């Protein structure tokens, strides 16, 4: 195996590791969602409609709350309810 092949393999492995480690989605999570919103989606088994309803509920309950803060509040509510 020549040095160029080894370099290519090393680059591919490094990129695969970075995608695995960091999700390949940047700091805001998949689709620009907050990490709390991504967590809420995971907690609700990918049910996007339910996640949206939970976030909207928190925003109605506390006007002026940002979407990310509403998602965090919904995560905390679910954790509290499921303990």
Foldseek 3Di string as FASTA:
>chain_A
DDPVVVVVVVVVVVVVVCCVVVVPPPQCDPPNHRPLLVVVCVVVVNPPVVSVVQLVVQCVVPPPQDSNRSSVVSVVVVVVVVD
